[in-house]
Structures are given as C-alpha cells and as structure tokens.
Amino acid sequence: MLWNGLAVLQIVLVLCHGALAEKMLRPKFKDIKIWSEEKMVSHKVVYDHADPHLNFSMEVHQELQDVDIHLEARISNKLDPTYTTTLNTTINICRILNFANKSPVGRFVHGFIREYGNIIDTCPIPKGSYFINKFWWPEDPTTAILPEFDFEIFYQANLLDASKKRTLIMNDHFTGEFTVQDVNNLKPGIFAMLPKTA
C-alpha cells in the first residue's frame, strides 16, 4: 500500500514538473568582448544564463554632443547555414531620442526599457551613470517552433564632432546561439508589453 502511494506521488510530481516546464527559444552567449574609450565613457555588459537577463552599465565621463551607433548582426540557421540573415545599419542617438519623444511607438518602447533602469533621455548626453538591470525581453513559447540559430553581433558607438568627424568610443562583439530549452521561468509574451486598461 505504501509502495503504491509513493508511486502515485512520484507520478504526480513528474506531471507537475512537466506542466511547469515549457519549450522556449532562448539565447546562450558564447563570448562577450567589450571595449570603450575610457577618457569619454566606460561600460559593462553581463548576461546571466541561469535566469536569462541582461545587465548593462555605462559611465559617461564627459558630455557627448552627438553619437552614432553602428550595428552589424548575422544569424545563421544551425541545421543549414546557407539560411543566413544579416543586418548592417547606423543610427543616430539624438534622432532616436527625438523619435522616442514624438512617436507613440517610440514612447511605448522607451517607456518599457525605462522600467529597468536609468537610460539616456536627452541629447547631448550629460555626464553621469546609466544602467539597465535585469532586462528581459518579452518571451512567447510559440518561438520554440522556430529553427535554432547562431548569432554574431558587432556594436560600435562613435562620437561626432561639429564637422561630423567620428571618434570610436565603444566597440563590442557578441557571439552565441539561440536553442530550444525546457524552462520553468517563462516571462510574459510580447502582448504583455501593451498598456494595461482599467
């Protein structure tokens, strides 16, 4: 009788544990390399694999009048690398902040990120400390049906002077992969970002 009770309890625990776990496509960083021009700015980027979230901190040592961000990204299907997507773009921080202040979508995204810390709000960028703690992009289990992929990201920040001459102040390189994992700490999906109505 006791044996049957233990067997039933074990089955219940397995079922409960299985019910809590969900398949999710999540990132795993293999390498994070960062560099910054310490006279102007210093920064750190840390990713916690156990409870996936990103921590970013930056100290601006002198006012930055105008900054461009250059981003290059490549993602490749793990099963068939011939399916590769690349992105190569340069955007201006001041224009982004202007967009965040004037556009409903910009205010929405900017407000979402602002919940995680002290972020840049004005341009020129004043001296001070900026950070994003425990940032976790919204997840949705439906992504588990997507193919697993490798990624590589190059990120550069350039200070622009009055003549638009560029001075490199940040140069980061990230590599990793997105794999399907069993998780029991799924964060709310993309629709959770939408404003709550009373």
Protein backbone atom coordinates (compact mmCIF):
# COMPACT_ATOMS: atom_id res chain seq x y z
CA MET A 1 0.00 0.00 0.00
CA LEU A 2 2.82 2.38 0.92
CA TRP A 3 4.62 1.48 -2.33
CA ASN A 4 1.52 2.31 -4.39
CA GLY A 5 1.17 5.65 -2.56
CA LEU A 6 4.82 6.56 -3.26
CA ALA A 7 4.45 5.57 -6.92
CA VAL A 8 1.36 7.78 -7.29
CA LEU A 9 3.16 10.67 -5.57
CA GLN A 10 6.15 10.28 -7.89
CA ILE A 11 3.88 10.32 -10.97
CA VAL A 12 2.11 13.44 -9.69
CA LEU A 13 5.45 15.20 -9.10
CA VAL A 14 6.68 14.31 -12.58
CA LEU A 15 3.43 15.53 -14.14
CA CYS A 16 3.51 18.75 -12.13
CA HIS A 17 7.14 19.39 -13.04
CA GLY A 18 6.35 18.71 -16.70
CA ALA A 19 3.41 21.09 -16.55
CA LEU A 20 5.66 23.88 -15.26
CA ALA A 21 8.31 23.44 -17.94
CA GLU A 22 7.74 24.90 -21.39
CA LYS A 23 9.81 24.78 -24.55
CA MET A 24 11.37 28.16 -25.29
CA LEU A 25 13.89 29.50 -27.78
CA ARG A 26 16.47 31.26 -25.62
CA PRO A 27 19.90 32.82 -26.14
CA LYS A 28 23.19 31.50 -24.84
CA PHE A 29 26.13 33.87 -25.18
CA LYS A 30 29.41 32.16 -26.00
CA ASP A 31 31.63 35.22 -25.95
CA ILE A 32 31.21 38.87 -24.92
CA LYS A 33 34.05 41.27 -25.75
CA ILE A 34 33.69 44.95 -24.93
CA TRP A 35 35.95 47.97 -25.33
CA SER A 36 35.45 51.63 -24.55
CA GLU A 37 37.47 54.85 -24.78
CA GLU A 38 37.93 55.28 -21.02
CA LYS A 39 38.53 59.04 -21.21
CA MET A 40 35.00 59.54 -22.50
CA VAL A 41 32.94 56.53 -21.46
CA SER A 42 33.25 53.15 -19.72
CA HIS A 43 30.72 50.33 -19.76
CA LYS A 44 30.00 46.73 -18.76
CA VAL A 45 27.70 44.10 -20.27
CA VAL A 46 26.80 40.96 -18.29
CA TYR A 47 24.38 38.20 -19.23
CA ASP A 48 23.01 35.76 -16.64
CA HIS A 49 22.34 32.34 -18.22
CA ALA A 50 20.65 30.83 -15.17
CA ASP A 51 17.88 33.42 -15.10
CA PRO A 52 18.26 34.93 -18.56
CA HIS A 53 18.58 38.66 -18.29
CA LEU A 54 20.99 41.36 -19.40
CA ASN A 55 22.72 43.91 -17.18
CA PHE A 56 24.25 46.97 -18.86
CA SER A 57 26.02 49.82 -17.08
CA MET A 58 27.74 52.87 -18.55
CA GLU A 59 29.57 55.81 -17.05
CA VAL A 60 29.79 58.92 -19.25
CA HIS A 61 32.90 60.85 -18.16
CA GLN A 62 32.36 63.92 -20.33
CA GLU A 63 29.36 65.34 -22.17
CA LEU A 64 28.81 63.67 -25.55
CA GLN A 65 27.39 66.13 -28.09
CA ASP A 66 26.31 63.68 -30.79
CA VAL A 67 26.67 59.90 -31.08
CA ASP A 68 26.11 57.41 -33.90
CA ILE A 69 25.56 53.72 -33.23
CA HIS A 70 26.73 51.25 -35.87
CA LEU A 71 25.27 47.74 -35.65
CA GLU A 72 26.11 44.64 -37.66
CA ALA A 73 24.33 41.37 -36.91
CA ARG A 74 24.36 37.95 -38.53
CA ILE A 75 22.10 35.00 -37.73
CA SER A 76 22.56 31.56 -39.29
CA ASN A 77 20.33 28.51 -39.17
CA LYS A 78 22.19 25.85 -37.15
CA LEU A 79 20.96 23.00 -39.36
CA ASP A 80 21.61 24.75 -42.67
CA PRO A 81 23.99 27.77 -42.55
CA THR A 82 23.07 28.70 -46.13
CA TYR A 83 20.00 30.28 -44.49
CA THR A 84 21.66 33.38 -43.09
CA THR A 85 20.30 36.86 -42.42
CA THR A 86 22.47 39.92 -41.97
CA LEU A 87 21.82 43.45 -40.73
CA ASN A 88 24.11 46.42 -41.22
CA THR A 89 22.84 49.81 -40.04
CA THR A 90 23.94 53.08 -38.47
CA ILE A 91 21.55 55.15 -36.37
CA ASN A 92 21.93 58.45 -34.58
CA ILE A 93 21.19 58.55 -30.82
CA CYS A 94 19.75 62.09 -30.95
CA ARG A 95 17.31 61.11 -33.69
CA ILE A 96 16.24 58.04 -31.74
CA LEU A 97 15.57 60.17 -28.65
CA ASN A 98 13.58 62.59 -30.79
CA PHE A 99 11.57 59.63 -32.12
CA ALA A 100 11.01 58.37 -28.57
CA ASN A 101 9.63 61.75 -27.51
CA LYS A 102 7.34 62.31 -30.51
CA SER A 103 6.14 58.88 -31.62
CA PRO A 104 3.58 56.75 -29.73
CA VAL A 105 5.57 53.63 -30.66
CA GLY A 106 8.80 55.31 -29.57
CA ARG A 107 7.27 56.33 -26.23
CA PHE A 108 5.98 52.78 -25.76
CA VAL A 109 9.38 51.11 -26.36
CA HIS A 110 11.31 53.81 -24.48
CA GLY A 111 8.91 53.56 -21.52
CA PHE A 112 9.24 49.76 -21.48
CA ILE A 113 13.04 49.90 -21.33
CA ARG A 114 13.00 52.75 -18.78
CA GLU A 115 11.32 50.41 -16.26
CA TYR A 116 14.64 48.56 -16.00
CA GLY A 117 16.92 51.42 -15.02
CA ASN A 118 18.32 54.85 -15.75
CA ILE A 119 18.64 55.31 -19.51
CA ILE A 120 19.70 58.17 -21.76
CA ASP A 121 16.87 60.68 -22.14
CA THR A 122 18.50 63.78 -23.65
CA CYS A 123 21.00 64.78 -26.25
CA PRO A 124 23.72 65.95 -25.81
CA ILE A 125 24.31 63.10 -23.37
CA PRO A 126 25.31 64.54 -19.98
CA LYS A 127 27.99 63.13 -17.70
CA GLY A 128 26.60 60.51 -15.35
CA SER A 129 25.73 56.87 -14.73
CA TYR A 130 23.30 54.95 -16.93
CA PHE A 131 22.20 51.38 -16.46
CA ILE A 132 19.71 48.69 -17.35
CA ASN A 133 19.32 45.98 -14.72
CA LYS A 134 17.61 42.61 -15.13
CA PHE A 135 16.40 43.45 -18.63
CA TRP A 136 14.48 40.51 -20.10
CA TRP A 137 12.86 40.86 -23.48
CA PRO A 138 9.28 39.52 -23.55
CA GLU A 139 9.09 35.84 -24.44
CA ASP A 140 6.50 33.68 -26.10
CA PRO A 141 6.53 29.85 -26.20
CA THR A 142 5.49 29.89 -29.87
CA THR A 143 9.12 30.78 -30.71
CA ALA A 144 10.04 27.17 -29.87
CA ILE A 145 8.81 26.16 -33.33
CA LEU A 146 11.48 28.36 -34.95
CA PRO A 147 14.79 26.84 -36.07
CA GLU A 148 17.75 27.13 -33.70
CA PHE A 149 20.40 29.59 -34.87
CA ASP A 150 23.84 31.04 -34.20
CA PHE A 151 24.31 34.78 -33.91
CA GLU A 152 27.13 37.31 -34.08
CA ILE A 153 26.70 40.99 -33.20
CA PHE A 154 29.14 43.88 -33.71
CA TYR A 155 28.25 47.13 -31.95
CA GLN A 156 30.14 50.40 -32.23
CA ALA A 157 29.48 53.89 -30.86
CA ASN A 158 31.13 56.90 -32.48
CA LEU A 159 31.31 60.43 -31.13
CA LEU A 160 30.60 63.02 -33.84
CA ASP A 161 32.17 66.45 -33.68
CA ALA A 162 30.83 69.64 -35.37
CA SER A 163 32.37 68.60 -38.71
CA LYS A 164 30.88 65.06 -38.36
CA LYS A 165 34.30 63.51 -37.80
CA ARG A 166 33.92 60.18 -35.99
CA THR A 167 35.83 59.07 -32.90
CA LEU A 168 35.31 55.47 -31.77
CA ILE A 169 34.19 55.35 -28.12
CA MET A 170 32.71 51.82 -27.87
CA ASN A 171 33.44 48.62 -29.77
CA ASP A 172 31.66 45.42 -28.68
CA HIS A 173 31.44 41.92 -30.15
CA PHE A 174 28.96 39.23 -29.04
CA THR A 175 28.60 35.63 -30.25
CA GLY A 176 26.18 32.94 -29.19
CA GLU A 177 23.25 30.77 -30.14
CA PHE A 178 19.51 30.51 -29.68
CA THR A 179 18.48 26.99 -28.66
CA VAL A 180 15.18 25.42 -27.65
CA GLN A 181 15.25 24.78 -23.91
CA ASP A 182 12.87 23.44 -21.27
CA VAL A 183 12.21 26.40 -18.99
CA ASN A 184 10.01 26.94 -15.95
CA ASN A 185 10.57 30.69 -15.62
CA LEU A 186 8.93 31.94 -18.81
CA LYS A 187 8.47 35.71 -18.91
CA PRO A 188 5.32 37.29 -20.37
CA GLY A 189 4.97 37.40 -24.13
CA ILE A 190 5.02 40.39 -26.44
CA PHE A 191 1.38 41.28 -25.71
CA ALA A 192 2.30 41.85 -22.07
CA MET A 193 4.11 44.99 -23.24
CA LEU A 194 0.85 46.59 -24.28
CA PRO A 195 -0.54 49.21 -21.88
CA LYS A 196 -2.95 47.90 -19.29
CA THR A 197 -6.55 49.18 -19.44
CA ALA A 198 -8.69 49.74 -16.39
